[in-house]
Amino acid sequence: MSTEDVVGKARDVITKLRTAEALIRSGKLDDGVRLFNEVTKEARETGLFDNYIAIIRKIRRLIKESQLKQSKASKAEAKSSGET
């Protein structure tokens, strides 16, 4: 792979990671997780995974927090509907 190819792939990976983060923050968790998984696989295949581990960890943390919020909200909703 030439330097230009690596730079192009790196730009593509970081753009997709930022897009996945934005999707998750906007409440589209499923779409964000799907894109995140695709991008991390692509980053591993191209050897860029270690270079972007900080943002990957940040997005993983965001995914876990979002999933936790969703599960708490669904439990609270089930509890409130069960009481009435």
PDB file of N, CA and C in Angstrom:
ATOM      1  N   MET A   1       0.836  -1.180   0.000  1.00  0.00           N
ATOM      2  CA  MET A   1       0.000   0.000   0.000  1.00  0.00           C
ATOM      3  C   MET A   1       0.880   1.242   0.000  1.00  0.00           C
ATOM      4  N   SER A   2       0.548   2.156  -0.858  1.00  0.00           N
ATOM      5  CA  SER A   2       1.330   3.384  -0.915  1.00  0.00           C
ATOM      6  C   SER A   2       0.927   4.315   0.228  1.00  0.00           C
ATOM      7  N   THR A   3       1.718   5.326   0.416  1.00  0.00           N
ATOM      8  CA  THR A   3       1.446   6.304   1.468  1.00  0.00           C
ATOM      9  C   THR A   3       0.116   6.995   1.234  1.00  0.00           C
ATOM     10  N   GLU A   4      -0.179   7.293  -0.010  1.00  0.00           N
ATOM     11  CA  GLU A   4      -1.446   7.953  -0.329  1.00  0.00           C
ATOM     12  C   GLU A   4      -2.633   7.059   0.011  1.00  0.00           C
ATOM     13  N   ASP A   5      -2.490   5.760  -0.232  1.00  0.00           N
ATOM     14  CA  ASP A   5      -3.557   4.814   0.106  1.00  0.00           C
ATOM     15  C   ASP A   5      -3.786   4.763   1.611  1.00  0.00           C
ATOM     16  N   VAL A   6      -2.685   4.737   2.370  1.00  0.00           N
ATOM     17  CA  VAL A   6      -2.788   4.681   3.827  1.00  0.00           C
ATOM     18  C   VAL A   6      -3.443   5.949   4.362  1.00  0.00           C
ATOM     19  N   VAL A   7      -3.037   7.087   3.843  1.00  0.00           N
ATOM     20  CA  VAL A   7      -3.619   8.361   4.278  1.00  0.00           C
ATOM     21  C   VAL A   7      -5.103   8.410   3.938  1.00  0.00           C
ATOM     22  N   GLY A   8      -5.454   7.952   2.761  1.00  0.00           N
ATOM     23  CA  GLY A   8      -6.862   7.921   2.362  1.00  0.00           C
ATOM     24  C   GLY A   8      -7.685   7.006   3.251  1.00  0.00           C
ATOM     25  N   LYS A   9      -7.157   5.825   3.556  1.00  0.00           N
ATOM     26  CA  LYS A   9      -7.853   4.890   4.447  1.00  0.00           C
ATOM     27  C   LYS A   9      -7.989   5.480   5.845  1.00  0.00           C
ATOM     28  N   ALA A  10      -6.920   6.135   6.312  1.00  0.00           N
ATOM     29  CA  ALA A  10      -6.956   6.738   7.647  1.00  0.00           C
ATOM     30  C   ALA A  10      -8.028   7.819   7.724  1.00  0.00           C
ATOM     31  N   ARG A  11      -8.126   8.642   6.706  1.00  0.00           N
ATOM     32  CA  ARG A  11      -9.172   9.679   6.673  1.00  0.00           C
ATOM     33  C   ARG A  11     -10.556   9.049   6.656  1.00  0.00           C
ATOM     34  N   ASP A  12     -10.691   7.994   5.880  1.00  0.00           N
ATOM     35  CA  ASP A  12     -11.970   7.300   5.784  1.00  0.00           C
ATOM     36  C   ASP A  12     -12.364   6.699   7.135  1.00  0.00           C
ATOM     37  N   VAL A  13     -11.403   6.076   7.805  1.00  0.00           N
ATOM     38  CA  VAL A  13     -11.672   5.456   9.105  1.00  0.00           C
ATOM     39  C   VAL A  13     -12.076   6.505  10.130  1.00  0.00           C
ATOM     40  N   ILE A  14     -11.342   7.596  10.210  1.00  0.00           N
ATOM     41  CA  ILE A  14     -11.650   8.612  11.221  1.00  0.00           C
ATOM     42  C   ILE A  14     -12.989   9.283  10.935  1.00  0.00           C
ATOM     43  N   THR A  15     -13.304   9.489   9.665  1.00  0.00           N
ATOM     44  CA  THR A  15     -14.598  10.079   9.309  1.00  0.00           C
ATOM     45  C   THR A  15     -15.738   9.158   9.724  1.00  0.00           C
ATOM     46  N   LYS A  16     -15.587   7.878   9.456  1.00  0.00           N
ATOM     47  CA  LYS A  16     -16.628   6.917   9.826  1.00  0.00           C
ATOM     48  C   LYS A  16     -16.753   6.786  11.340  1.00  0.00           C
ATOM     49  N   LEU A  17     -15.622   6.833  12.057  1.00  0.00           N
ATOM     50  CA  LEU A  17     -15.683   6.769  13.516  1.00  0.00           C
ATOM     51  C   LEU A  17     -16.429   7.974  14.084  1.00  0.00           C
ATOM     52  N   ARG A  18     -16.142   9.151  13.560  1.00  0.00           N
ATOM     53  CA  ARG A  18     -16.840  10.362  14.025  1.00  0.00           C
ATOM     54  C   ARG A  18     -18.326  10.302  13.681  1.00  0.00           C
ATOM     55  N   THR A  19     -18.652   9.745  12.527  1.00  0.00           N
ATOM     56  CA  THR A  19     -20.057   9.598  12.135  1.00  0.00           C
ATOM     57  C   THR A  19     -20.769   8.630  13.074  1.00  0.00           C
ATOM     58  N   ALA A  20     -20.114   7.531  13.404  1.00  0.00           N
ATOM     59  CA  ALA A  20     -20.697   6.560  14.336  1.00  0.00           C
ATOM     60  C   ALA A  20     -20.936   7.206  15.694  1.00  0.00           C
ATOM     61  N   GLU A  21     -19.979   7.991  16.148  1.00  0.00           N
ATOM     62  CA  GLU A  21     -20.133   8.696  17.426  1.00  0.00           C
ATOM     63  C   GLU A  21     -21.318   9.654  17.382  1.00  0.00           C
ATOM     64  N   ALA A  22     -21.457  10.385  16.294  1.00  0.00           N
ATOM     65  CA  ALA A  22     -22.568  11.330  16.152  1.00  0.00           C
ATOM     66  C   ALA A  22     -23.911  10.604  16.117  1.00  0.00           C
ATOM     67  N   LEU A  23     -23.972   9.469  15.432  1.00  0.00           N
ATOM     68  CA  LEU A  23     -25.209   8.686  15.385  1.00  0.00           C
ATOM     69  C   LEU A  23     -25.610   8.209  16.778  1.00  0.00           C
ATOM     70  N   ILE A  24     -24.645   7.737  17.532  1.00  0.00           N
ATOM     71  CA  ILE A  24     -24.933   7.242  18.879  1.00  0.00           C
ATOM     72  C   ILE A  24     -25.408   8.380  19.771  1.00  0.00           C
ATOM     73  N   ARG A  25     -24.735   9.513  19.695  1.00  0.00           N
ATOM     74  CA  ARG A  25     -25.132  10.667  20.517  1.00  0.00           C
ATOM     75  C   ARG A  25     -26.516  11.187  20.145  1.00  0.00           C
ATOM     76  N   SER A  26     -26.913  11.034  18.888  1.00  0.00           N
ATOM     77  CA  SER A  26     -28.220  11.527  18.450  1.00  0.00           C
ATOM     78  C   SER A  26     -29.340  10.533  18.740  1.00  0.00           C
ATOM     79  N   GLY A  27     -29.007   9.391  19.330  1.00  0.00           N
ATOM     80  CA  GLY A  27     -30.026   8.427  19.716  1.00  0.00           C
ATOM     81  C   GLY A  27     -30.216   7.278  18.748  1.00  0.00           C
ATOM     82  N   LYS A  28     -29.459   7.243  17.686  1.00  0.00           N
ATOM     83  CA  LYS A  28     -29.565   6.152  16.707  1.00  0.00           C
ATOM     84  C   LYS A  28     -28.512   5.093  17.043  1.00  0.00           C
ATOM     85  N   LEU A  29     -28.727   4.438  18.174  1.00  0.00           N
ATOM     86  CA  LEU A  29     -27.740   3.508  18.715  1.00  0.00           C
ATOM     87  C   LEU A  29     -27.464   2.340  17.774  1.00  0.00           C
ATOM     88  N   ASP A  30     -28.499   1.738  17.228  1.00  0.00           N
ATOM     89  CA  ASP A  30     -28.307   0.574  16.354  1.00  0.00           C
ATOM     90  C   ASP A  30     -27.473   0.909  15.123  1.00  0.00           C
ATOM     91  N   ASP A  31     -27.793   2.034  14.482  1.00  0.00           N
ATOM     92  CA  ASP A  31     -27.035   2.446  13.293  1.00  0.00           C
ATOM     93  C   ASP A  31     -25.589   2.774  13.652  1.00  0.00           C
ATOM     94  N   GLY A  32     -25.408   3.460  14.773  1.00  0.00           N
ATOM     95  CA  GLY A  32     -24.068   3.821  15.215  1.00  0.00           C
ATOM     96  C   GLY A  32     -23.218   2.613  15.545  1.00  0.00           C
ATOM     97  N   VAL A  33     -23.811   1.640  16.228  1.00  0.00           N
ATOM     98  CA  VAL A  33     -23.080   0.420  16.589  1.00  0.00           C
ATOM     99  C   VAL A  33     -22.718  -0.367  15.337  1.00  0.00           C
ATOM    100  N   ARG A  34     -23.641  -0.464  14.405  1.00  0.00           N
ATOM    101  CA  ARG A  34     -23.378  -1.190  13.156  1.00  0.00           C
ATOM    102  C   ARG A  34     -22.206  -0.546  12.403  1.00  0.00           C
ATOM    103  N   LEU A  35     -22.239   0.777  12.269  1.00  0.00           N
ATOM    104  CA  LEU A  35     -21.155   1.480  11.584  1.00  0.00           C
ATOM    105  C   LEU A  35     -19.842   1.330  12.347  1.00  0.00           C
ATOM    106  N   PHE A  36     -19.899   1.440  13.665  1.00  0.00           N
ATOM    107  CA  PHE A  36     -18.703   1.295  14.493  1.00  0.00           C
ATOM    108  C   PHE A  36     -18.059  -0.074  14.293  1.00  0.00           C
ATOM    109  N   ASN A  37     -18.872  -1.125  14.286  1.00  0.00           N
ATOM    110  CA  ASN A  37     -18.336  -2.477  14.086  1.00  0.00           C
ATOM    111  C   ASN A  37     -17.693  -2.629  12.713  1.00  0.00           C
ATOM    112  N   GLU A  38     -18.322  -2.071  11.689  1.00  0.00           N
ATOM    113  CA  GLU A  38     -17.750  -2.128  10.337  1.00  0.00           C
ATOM    114  C   GLU A  38     -16.407  -1.406  10.282  1.00  0.00           C
ATOM    115  N   VAL A  39     -16.349  -0.237  10.900  1.00  0.00           N
ATOM    116  CA  VAL A  39     -15.132   0.574  10.840  1.00  0.00           C
ATOM    117  C   VAL A  39     -14.004  -0.074  11.631  1.00  0.00           C
ATOM    118  N   THR A  40     -14.302  -0.619  12.800  1.00  0.00           N
ATOM    119  CA  THR A  40     -13.235  -1.257  13.570  1.00  0.00           C
ATOM    120  C   THR A  40     -12.684  -2.481  12.831  1.00  0.00           C
ATOM    121  N   LYS A  41     -13.552  -3.204  12.152  1.00  0.00           N
ATOM    122  CA  LYS A  41     -13.087  -4.344  11.347  1.00  0.00           C
ATOM    123  C   LYS A  41     -12.176  -3.851  10.221  1.00  0.00           C
ATOM    124  N   GLU A  42     -12.607  -2.774   9.561  1.00  0.00           N
ATOM    125  CA  GLU A  42     -11.806  -2.192   8.481  1.00  0.00           C
ATOM    126  C   GLU A  42     -10.464  -1.687   9.010  1.00  0.00           C
ATOM    127  N   ALA A  43     -10.473  -1.071  10.190  1.00  0.00           N
ATOM    128  CA  ALA A  43      -9.236  -0.555  10.784  1.00  0.00           C
ATOM    129  C   ALA A  43      -8.275  -1.695  11.116  1.00  0.00           C
ATOM    130  N   ARG A  44      -8.803  -2.802  11.606  1.00  0.00           N
ATOM    131  CA  ARG A  44      -7.949  -3.961  11.898  1.00  0.00           C
ATOM    132  C   ARG A  44      -7.321  -4.509  10.621  1.00  0.00           C
ATOM    133  N   GLU A  45      -8.134  -4.598   9.569  1.00  0.00           N
ATOM    134  CA  GLU A  45      -7.647  -5.155   8.304  1.00  0.00           C
ATOM    135  C   GLU A  45      -6.560  -4.290   7.675  1.00  0.00           C
ATOM    136  N   THR A  46      -6.656  -2.984   7.838  1.00  0.00           N
ATOM    137  CA  THR A  46      -5.677  -2.081   7.232  1.00  0.00           C
ATOM    138  C   THR A  46      -4.518  -1.744   8.163  1.00  0.00           C
ATOM    139  N   GLY A  47      -4.560  -2.239   9.403  1.00  0.00           N
ATOM    140  CA  GLY A  47      -3.470  -1.983  10.338  1.00  0.00           C
ATOM    141  C   GLY A  47      -3.541  -0.632  11.015  1.00  0.00           C
ATOM    142  N   LEU A  48      -4.695  -0.006  11.011  1.00  0.00           N
ATOM    143  CA  LEU A  48      -4.850   1.318  11.614  1.00  0.00           C
ATOM    144  C   LEU A  48      -5.521   1.276  12.984  1.00  0.00           C
ATOM    145  N   PHE A  49      -5.871   0.088  13.455  1.00  0.00           N
ATOM    146  CA  PHE A  49      -6.627  -0.046  14.701  1.00  0.00           C
ATOM    147  C   PHE A  49      -5.883   0.587  15.876  1.00  0.00           C
ATOM    148  N   ASP A  50      -4.602   0.261  16.022  1.00  0.00           N
ATOM    149  CA  ASP A  50      -3.825   0.776  17.151  1.00  0.00           C
ATOM    150  C   ASP A  50      -3.660   2.291  17.098  1.00  0.00           C
ATOM    151  N   ASN A  51      -3.666   2.850  15.909  1.00  0.00           N
ATOM    152  CA  ASN A  51      -3.503   4.297  15.770  1.00  0.00           C
ATOM    153  C   ASN A  51      -4.714   5.067  16.279  1.00  0.00           C
ATOM    154  N   TYR A  52      -5.876   4.448  16.231  1.00  0.00           N
ATOM    155  CA  TYR A  52      -7.110   5.129  16.621  1.00  0.00           C
ATOM    156  C   TYR A  52      -7.754   4.500  17.846  1.00  0.00           C
ATOM    157  N   ILE A  53      -6.960   3.826  18.665  1.00  0.00           N
ATOM    158  CA  ILE A  53      -7.504   3.127  19.823  1.00  0.00           C
ATOM    159  C   ILE A  53      -8.167   4.086  20.805  1.00  0.00           C
ATOM    160  N   ALA A  54      -7.676   5.302  20.929  1.00  0.00           N
ATOM    161  CA  ALA A  54      -8.270   6.258  21.878  1.00  0.00           C
ATOM    162  C   ALA A  54      -9.712   6.586  21.500  1.00  0.00           C
ATOM    163  N   ILE A  55      -9.952   6.915  20.254  1.00  0.00           N
ATOM    164  CA  ILE A  55     -11.323   7.237  19.839  1.00  0.00           C
ATOM    165  C   ILE A  55     -12.195   5.981  19.837  1.00  0.00           C
ATOM    166  N   ILE A  56     -11.613   4.834  19.525  1.00  0.00           N
ATOM    167  CA  ILE A  56     -12.372   3.580  19.552  1.00  0.00           C
ATOM    168  C   ILE A  56     -12.830   3.283  20.975  1.00  0.00           C
ATOM    169  N   ARG A  57     -11.948   3.467  21.944  1.00  0.00           N
ATOM    170  CA  ARG A  57     -12.331   3.254  23.349  1.00  0.00           C
ATOM    171  C   ARG A  57     -13.387   4.254  23.792  1.00  0.00           C
ATOM    172  N   LYS A  58     -13.252   5.489  23.354  1.00  0.00           N
ATOM    173  CA  LYS A  58     -14.234   6.525  23.696  1.00  0.00           C
ATOM    174  C   LYS A  58     -15.621   6.144  23.176  1.00  0.00           C
ATOM    175  N   ILE A  59     -15.683   5.660  21.949  1.00  0.00           N
ATOM    176  CA  ILE A  59     -16.971   5.283  21.356  1.00  0.00           C
ATOM    177  C   ILE A  59     -17.512   4.024  22.028  1.00  0.00           C
ATOM    178  N   ARG A  60     -16.647   3.083  22.374  1.00  0.00           N
ATOM    179  CA  ARG A  60     -17.102   1.886  23.099  1.00  0.00           C
ATOM    180  C   ARG A  60     -17.737   2.272  24.431  1.00  0.00           C
ATOM    181  N   ARG A  61     -17.103   3.208  25.130  1.00  0.00           N
ATOM    182  CA  ARG A  61     -17.639   3.691  26.403  1.00  0.00           C
ATOM    183  C   ARG A  61     -18.993   4.357  26.194  1.00  0.00           C
ATOM    184  N   LEU A  62     -19.106   5.143  25.145  1.00  0.00           N
ATOM    185  CA  LEU A  62     -20.363   5.812  24.810  1.00  0.00           C
ATOM    186  C   LEU A  62     -21.457   4.790  24.497  1.00  0.00           C
ATOM    187  N   ILE A  63     -21.113   3.731  23.784  1.00  0.00           N
ATOM    188  CA  ILE A  63     -22.078   2.675  23.461  1.00  0.00           C
ATOM    189  C   ILE A  63     -22.570   2.010  24.740  1.00  0.00           C
ATOM    190  N   LYS A  64     -21.649   1.672  25.634  1.00  0.00           N
ATOM    191  CA  LYS A  64     -22.042   1.025  26.888  1.00  0.00           C
ATOM    192  C   LYS A  64     -22.945   1.931  27.720  1.00  0.00           C
ATOM    193  N   GLU A  65     -22.599   3.214  27.792  1.00  0.00           N
ATOM    194  CA  GLU A  65     -23.427   4.159  28.544  1.00  0.00           C
ATOM    195  C   GLU A  65     -24.815   4.285  27.927  1.00  0.00           C
ATOM    196  N   SER A  66     -24.886   4.341  26.619  1.00  0.00           N
ATOM    197  CA  SER A  66     -26.175   4.461  25.930  1.00  0.00           C
ATOM    198  C   SER A  66     -27.026   3.215  26.133  1.00  0.00           C
ATOM    199  N   GLN A  67     -26.398   2.051  26.072  1.00  0.00           N
ATOM    200  CA  GLN A  67     -27.133   0.807  26.294  1.00  0.00           C
ATOM    201  C   GLN A  67     -27.641   0.728  27.730  1.00  0.00           C
ATOM    202  N   LEU A  68     -26.836   1.190  28.674  1.00  0.00           N
ATOM    203  CA  LEU A  68     -27.244   1.195  30.073  1.00  0.00           C
ATOM    204  C   LEU A  68     -28.433   2.130  30.286  1.00  0.00           C
ATOM    205  N   LYS A  69     -28.389   3.307  29.673  1.00  0.00           N
ATOM    206  CA  LYS A  69     -29.504   4.251  29.779  1.00  0.00           C
ATOM    207  C   LYS A  69     -30.778   3.661  29.198  1.00  0.00           C
ATOM    208  N   GLN A  70     -30.652   2.979  28.057  1.00  0.00           N
ATOM    209  CA  GLN A  70     -31.824   2.363  27.433  1.00  0.00           C
ATOM    210  C   GLN A  70     -32.408   1.268  28.312  1.00  0.00           C
ATOM    211  N   SER A  71     -31.550   0.463  28.906  1.00  0.00           N
ATOM    212  CA  SER A  71     -32.061  -0.622  29.748  1.00  0.00           C
ATOM    213  C   SER A  71     -32.717  -0.070  31.009  1.00  0.00           C
ATOM    214  N   LYS A  72     -32.148   0.981  31.589  1.00  0.00           N
ATOM    215  CA  LYS A  72     -32.766   1.605  32.760  1.00  0.00           C
ATOM    216  C   LYS A  72     -34.110   2.217  32.400  1.00  0.00           C
ATOM    217  N   ALA A  73     -34.178   2.863  31.246  1.00  0.00           N
ATOM    218  CA  ALA A  73     -35.430   3.485  30.812  1.00  0.00           C
ATOM    219  C   ALA A  73     -36.499   2.432  30.553  1.00  0.00           C
ATOM    220  N   SER A  74     -36.123   1.327  29.951  1.00  0.00           N
ATOM    221  CA  SER A  74     -37.116   0.279  29.677  1.00  0.00           C
ATOM    222  C   SER A  74     -37.576  -0.391  30.967  1.00  0.00           C
ATOM    223  N   LYS A  75     -36.676  -0.551  31.937  1.00  0.00           N
ATOM    224  CA  LYS A  75     -37.069  -1.116  33.227  1.00  0.00           C
ATOM    225  C   LYS A  75     -38.017  -0.176  33.959  1.00  0.00           C
ATOM    226  N   ALA A  76     -37.719   1.120  33.930  1.00  0.00           N
ATOM    227  CA  ALA A  76     -38.584   2.098  34.589  1.00  0.00           C
ATOM    228  C   ALA A  76     -39.950   2.144  33.916  1.00  0.00           C
ATOM    229  N   GLU A  77     -39.962   2.046  32.598  1.00  0.00           N
ATOM    230  CA  GLU A  77     -41.225   2.057  31.853  1.00  0.00           C
ATOM    231  C   GLU A  77     -42.051   0.817  32.182  1.00  0.00           C
ATOM    232  N   ALA A  78     -41.408  -0.327  32.251  1.00  0.00           N
ATOM    233  CA  ALA A  78     -42.112  -1.566  32.576  1.00  0.00           C
ATOM    234  C   ALA A  78     -42.641  -1.527  34.005  1.00  0.00           C
ATOM    235  N   LYS A  79     -41.867  -0.946  34.890  1.00  0.00           N
ATOM    236  CA  LYS A  79     -42.273  -0.852  36.286  1.00  0.00           C
ATOM    237  C   LYS A  79     -43.470   0.082  36.443  1.00  0.00           C
ATOM    238  N   SER A  80     -43.437   1.222  35.753  1.00  0.00           N
ATOM    239  CA  SER A  80     -44.541   2.181  35.864  1.00  0.00           C
ATOM    240  C   SER A  80     -45.811   1.658  35.193  1.00  0.00           C
ATOM    241  N   SER A  81     -45.679   0.933  34.114  1.00  0.00           N
ATOM    242  CA  SER A  81     -46.868   0.382  33.455  1.00  0.00           C
ATOM    243  C   SER A  81     -47.427  -0.801  34.239  1.00  0.00           C
ATOM    244  N   GLY A  82     -46.597  -1.466  35.000  1.00  0.00           N
ATOM    245  CA  GLY A  82     -47.051  -2.584  35.809  1.00  0.00           C
ATOM    246  C   GLY A  82     -47.807  -2.136  37.045  1.00  0.00           C
ATOM    247  N   GLU A  83     -47.547  -0.930  37.526  1.00  0.00           N
ATOM    248  CA  GLU A  83     -48.197  -0.417  38.727  1.00  0.00           C
ATOM    249  C   GLU A  83     -49.595   0.096  38.457  1.00  0.00           C
ATOM    250  N   THR A  84     -49.863   0.557  37.259  1.00  0.00           N
ATOM    251  CA  THR A  84     -51.174   1.149  36.975  1.00  0.00           C
ATOM    252  C   THR A  84     -52.198   0.130  36.611  1.00  0.00           C
TER     253      THR A  84
END
